[in-house]
């Protein structure tokens, strides 16, 4: 089962343009075809957490800036083929926060190189 994060496609495109990168450059960094990446900017609704963190790191933005939050707001919406228990969503939300913190620490270290 893959956990998918709701993606804010317009925020992704704006961040890429602000970073002055082409879709091809971002796609190459993410090891995918440009046509695959372009689907994320043109409305593909979700992507894997690992990919979200990679693109946010490349664009030097907070991953939360690329997430579409839902009204119940645990930080993101978890998609799966089965109903997910609220306690599991809470655990995944905590895991996401920890990963975001780790990415931010790494980003800050890289800035000082």
Protein backbone atom coordinates (compact mmCIF):
# COMPACT_ATOMS: atom_id res chain seq x y z
CA UNK A 1 0.00 0.00 0.00
CA UNK A 2 1.37 3.40 -0.94
CA UNK A 3 0.57 6.41 1.19
CA UNK A 4 -0.27 9.40 -0.96
CA UNK A 5 -0.30 13.07 -0.05
CA UNK A 6 -2.81 15.51 -1.55
CA UNK A 7 -0.80 17.84 -3.75
CA UNK A 8 -1.31 21.57 -4.30
CA UNK A 9 -0.44 21.60 -8.02
CA UNK A 10 -0.49 25.36 -8.42
CA UNK A 11 1.87 25.82 -5.44
CA UNK A 12 4.22 23.24 -6.97
CA UNK A 13 4.32 25.09 -10.29
CA UNK A 14 4.80 28.47 -8.59
CA UNK A 15 7.67 27.13 -6.46
CA UNK A 16 9.38 25.61 -9.51
CA UNK A 17 9.07 28.85 -11.45
CA UNK A 18 10.37 30.85 -8.49
CA UNK A 19 13.38 28.51 -8.35
CA UNK A 20 13.89 29.23 -12.07
CA UNK A 21 13.87 25.55 -12.98
CA UNK A 22 12.23 23.90 -15.97
CA UNK A 23 9.94 20.91 -15.65
CA UNK A 24 12.66 18.87 -17.35
CA UNK A 25 15.26 19.90 -14.77
CA UNK A 26 13.01 18.98 -11.86
CA UNK A 27 12.01 15.71 -13.52
CA UNK A 28 15.66 14.80 -14.10
CA UNK A 29 16.47 15.45 -10.43
CA UNK A 30 13.52 13.22 -9.44
CA UNK A 31 14.54 10.49 -11.91
CA UNK A 32 11.36 10.66 -13.95
CA UNK A 33 10.26 11.79 -17.39
CA UNK A 34 9.20 15.39 -17.87
CA UNK A 35 5.74 14.23 -18.97
CA UNK A 36 5.30 12.37 -15.68
CA UNK A 37 6.36 15.41 -13.67
CA UNK A 38 4.10 17.73 -15.69
CA UNK A 39 1.08 15.70 -14.53
CA UNK A 40 1.79 16.83 -10.96
CA UNK A 41 1.66 20.47 -12.01
CA UNK A 42 -1.41 20.03 -14.15
CA UNK A 43 -3.64 18.49 -11.55
CA UNK A 44 -2.57 14.94 -10.67
CA UNK A 45 -4.07 14.99 -7.21
CA UNK A 46 -1.50 13.17 -5.11
CA UNK A 47 2.02 11.82 -4.81
CA UNK A 48 4.10 9.65 -2.48
CA UNK A 49 5.54 11.23 0.66
CA UNK A 50 9.12 10.49 -0.41
CA UNK A 51 8.58 12.30 -3.70
CA UNK A 52 6.96 15.25 -1.93
CA UNK A 53 10.00 15.58 0.34
CA UNK A 54 12.41 15.30 -2.58
CA UNK A 55 10.73 17.99 -4.65
CA UNK A 56 10.37 20.30 -1.65
CA UNK A 57 14.06 19.90 -0.89
CA UNK A 58 15.02 20.63 -4.50
CA UNK A 59 12.81 23.73 -4.59
CA UNK A 60 14.03 24.80 -1.13
CA UNK A 61 10.54 25.11 0.32
CA UNK A 62 8.68 23.63 3.25
CA UNK A 63 6.88 20.42 2.17
CA UNK A 64 3.76 21.70 3.90
CA UNK A 65 3.58 24.42 1.23
CA UNK A 66 2.83 21.70 -1.33
CA UNK A 67 0.15 19.88 0.65
CA UNK A 68 -3.57 20.42 0.24
CA UNK A 69 -4.99 20.18 3.73
CA UNK A 70 -8.42 18.77 4.36
CA UNK A 71 -11.04 20.09 6.76
CA UNK A 72 -10.33 17.53 9.46
CA UNK A 73 -6.69 18.59 9.20
CA UNK A 74 -4.27 16.07 10.49
CA UNK A 75 -1.71 17.62 8.16
CA UNK A 76 -2.60 15.62 5.07
CA UNK A 77 -5.13 13.14 3.75
CA UNK A 78 -4.12 9.51 3.66
CA UNK A 79 -5.39 7.50 0.70
CA UNK A 80 -5.56 3.72 0.71
CA UNK A 81 -7.70 0.85 -0.44
CA UNK A 82 -8.90 0.25 3.10
CA UNK A 83 -10.35 2.47 5.79
CA UNK A 84 -7.55 3.84 7.92
CA UNK A 85 -8.05 4.11 11.64
CA UNK A 86 -7.75 7.61 13.14
CA UNK A 87 -4.90 6.52 15.42
CA UNK A 88 -2.94 5.37 12.35
CA UNK A 89 -3.49 8.70 10.59
CA UNK A 90 -2.22 10.43 13.74
CA UNK A 91 0.90 8.25 13.77
CA UNK A 92 1.56 8.95 10.10
CA UNK A 93 1.08 12.67 10.71
CA UNK A 94 3.69 12.54 13.47
CA UNK A 95 6.03 10.63 11.16
CA UNK A 96 5.57 13.28 8.47
CA UNK A 97 6.40 16.05 10.94
CA UNK A 98 9.57 14.20 11.98
CA UNK A 99 10.62 13.74 8.35
CA UNK A 100 9.98 17.41 7.60
CA UNK A 101 12.14 18.36 10.59
CA UNK A 102 14.94 16.08 9.41
CA UNK A 103 14.79 17.51 5.90
CA UNK A 104 14.95 21.04 7.33
CA UNK A 105 18.04 20.15 9.41
CA UNK A 106 19.75 18.69 6.34
CA UNK A 107 18.79 21.73 4.25
CA UNK A 108 20.30 24.07 6.85
CA UNK A 109 23.51 22.02 6.95
CA UNK A 110 23.74 22.14 3.17
CA UNK A 111 23.32 25.92 3.19
CA UNK A 112 26.46 26.22 5.31
CA UNK A 113 28.65 24.20 2.96
